[in-house]
Amino acid sequence: MTKLSDSKNAIVAAYLAKYETGNGFQSKAEMLTSLCEDLVSELEFCKEQLAICGKYSGTYILHVPIQYMQENPKDKDLKVFNLLKDQLTKINNGEIAAMILPALTDESGNRMFTLEYVGPQKI
């Protein structure tokens, strides 16, 4: 598998060669527009590959108190749950690397919110 920078450099070199020889582009603006489209396409491909790799390498599981998952939670509980769910989705998709959890404990001193990484063998 090639690194993104290797692929990007190859794409840029090919476009510059086409432009310099006059094959394929009427103007520098046309060449740059086409180049940007190809680089964005390459980046999207790499993001998809990273997401696929993430699915095979494991996932994160967020443990929250049941009150946050009830059918009709309080407004504040629903807001917290939706925020945490959104952050967890972003972690699993590789969009963010970390999240902040409330430092709440129950009457026994156990954390009410925990984030756990589960490898592919346990999924």
Protein backbone atom coordinates (compact mmCIF):
# COMPACT_ATOMS: atom_id res chain seq x y z
CA MET A 1 0.00 0.00 0.00
CA THR A 2 1.39 3.41 -0.90
CA LYS A 3 1.45 6.33 1.44
CA LEU A 4 -0.87 9.23 0.65
CA SER A 5 2.11 11.52 0.03
CA ASP A 6 3.55 9.10 -2.56
CA SER A 7 0.22 8.91 -4.34
CA LYS A 8 -0.25 12.69 -4.15
CA ASN A 9 3.22 13.30 -5.57
CA ALA A 10 2.56 10.91 -8.47
CA ILE A 11 -0.74 12.62 -9.29
CA VAL A 12 0.82 16.11 -9.18
CA ALA A 13 3.77 15.01 -11.36
CA ALA A 14 1.41 13.49 -13.95
CA TYR A 15 -0.66 16.67 -14.13
CA LEU A 16 2.39 18.91 -14.42
CA ALA A 17 3.76 16.73 -17.22
CA LYS A 18 0.44 16.94 -19.11
CA TYR A 19 0.29 20.70 -18.65
CA GLU A 20 3.90 21.32 -19.65
CA THR A 21 3.58 19.26 -22.84
CA GLY A 22 0.25 20.85 -23.73
CA ASN A 23 -1.58 17.52 -23.67
CA GLY A 24 -4.98 17.68 -22.09
CA PHE A 25 -5.40 21.14 -20.52
CA GLN A 26 -6.31 24.46 -22.11
CA SER A 27 -5.16 26.55 -19.14
CA LYS A 28 -3.35 26.36 -15.85
CA ALA A 29 -6.67 26.98 -14.06
CA GLU A 30 -8.23 23.97 -15.81
CA MET A 31 -5.24 21.83 -14.84
CA LEU A 32 -5.36 22.98 -11.18
CA THR A 33 -9.12 22.38 -10.95
CA SER A 34 -8.75 18.87 -12.30
CA LEU A 35 -5.76 18.23 -10.04
CA CYS A 36 -7.71 19.34 -6.95
CA GLU A 37 -10.61 17.06 -7.87
CA ASP A 38 -8.26 14.09 -8.19
CA LEU A 39 -6.51 14.87 -4.90
CA VAL A 40 -9.85 15.14 -3.09
CA SER A 41 -10.89 11.84 -4.63
CA GLU A 42 -7.63 10.23 -3.47
CA LEU A 43 -8.13 11.61 0.05
CA GLU A 44 -11.70 10.25 0.18
CA PHE A 45 -10.41 6.85 -0.90
CA CYS A 46 -7.79 6.89 1.87
CA LYS A 47 -10.41 7.89 4.45
CA GLU A 48 -12.58 4.97 3.34
CA GLN A 49 -9.63 2.59 3.66
CA LEU A 50 -8.89 3.87 7.17
CA ALA A 51 -12.52 3.35 8.18
CA ILE A 52 -12.41 -0.22 6.86
CA CYS A 53 -9.18 -0.88 8.79
CA GLY A 54 -10.76 0.54 11.92
CA LYS A 55 -13.68 -1.86 11.66
CA TYR A 56 -11.33 -4.84 11.57
CA SER A 57 -9.09 -3.61 14.36
CA GLY A 58 -11.77 -3.22 17.04
CA THR A 59 -14.17 -0.63 18.35
CA TYR A 60 -14.90 1.56 21.33
CA ILE A 61 -17.83 0.93 23.65
CA LEU A 62 -19.23 3.63 25.90
CA HIS A 63 -20.87 2.54 29.16
CA VAL A 64 -23.49 4.98 30.50
CA PRO A 65 -26.12 4.75 33.25
CA ILE A 66 -29.46 3.36 32.09
CA GLN A 67 -31.24 6.63 32.85
CA TYR A 68 -29.56 8.13 29.76
CA MET A 69 -30.93 5.40 27.53
CA GLN A 70 -34.55 5.26 28.68
CA GLU A 71 -37.37 5.77 26.21
CA ASN A 72 -38.25 9.24 27.56
CA PRO A 73 -35.14 10.60 29.30
CA LYS A 74 -35.01 14.04 30.90
CA ASP A 75 -33.93 16.80 28.50
CA LYS A 76 -30.50 17.19 30.13
CA ASP A 77 -29.92 13.42 30.08
CA LEU A 78 -30.92 13.25 26.42
CA LYS A 79 -28.52 16.09 25.54
CA VAL A 80 -25.64 14.34 27.34
CA PHE A 81 -26.49 10.99 25.72
CA ASN A 82 -26.68 12.49 22.22
CA LEU A 83 -23.38 14.35 22.69
CA LEU A 84 -21.60 11.22 23.92
CA LYS A 85 -23.14 9.10 21.15
CA ASP A 86 -21.96 11.61 18.55
CA GLN A 87 -18.43 11.65 19.99
CA LEU A 88 -18.30 7.85 20.12
CA THR A 89 -19.39 7.64 16.49
CA LYS A 90 -16.65 10.11 15.55
CA ILE A 91 -14.03 8.08 17.43
CA ASN A 92 -15.12 4.85 15.73
CA ASN A 93 -15.04 6.61 12.35
CA GLY A 94 -11.56 8.01 13.01
CA GLU A 95 -12.76 11.64 12.95
CA ILE A 96 -11.54 12.40 16.49
CA ALA A 97 -8.97 10.67 18.69
CA ALA A 98 -10.34 11.29 22.18
CA MET A 99 -13.38 12.35 24.15
CA ILE A 100 -14.13 13.86 27.54
CA LEU A 101 -16.41 11.96 29.91
CA PRO A 102 -18.22 13.32 32.97
CA ALA A 103 -16.34 12.46 36.18
CA LEU A 104 -19.46 11.21 37.96
CA THR A 105 -19.45 8.31 40.39
CA ASP A 106 -22.24 6.35 42.05
CA GLU A 107 -22.69 6.02 45.81
CA SER A 108 -20.08 3.22 45.87
CA GLY A 109 -17.47 5.35 44.07
CA ASN A 110 -17.74 3.53 40.71
CA ARG A 111 -17.48 5.64 37.59
CA MET A 112 -20.83 6.11 35.88
CA PHE A 113 -19.32 6.69 32.43
CA THR A 114 -16.53 4.56 30.98
CA LEU A 115 -15.04 4.15 27.54
CA GLU A 116 -13.70 0.71 26.64
CA TYR A 117 -11.72 -0.44 23.62
CA VAL A 118 -12.69 -3.92 22.42
CA GLY A 119 -10.42 -5.71 19.96
CA PRO A 120 -11.78 -7.60 16.94
CA GLN A 121 -11.64 -10.96 18.68
CA LYS A 122 -14.23 -9.75 21.26
CA ILE A 123 -16.62 -7.98 18.91
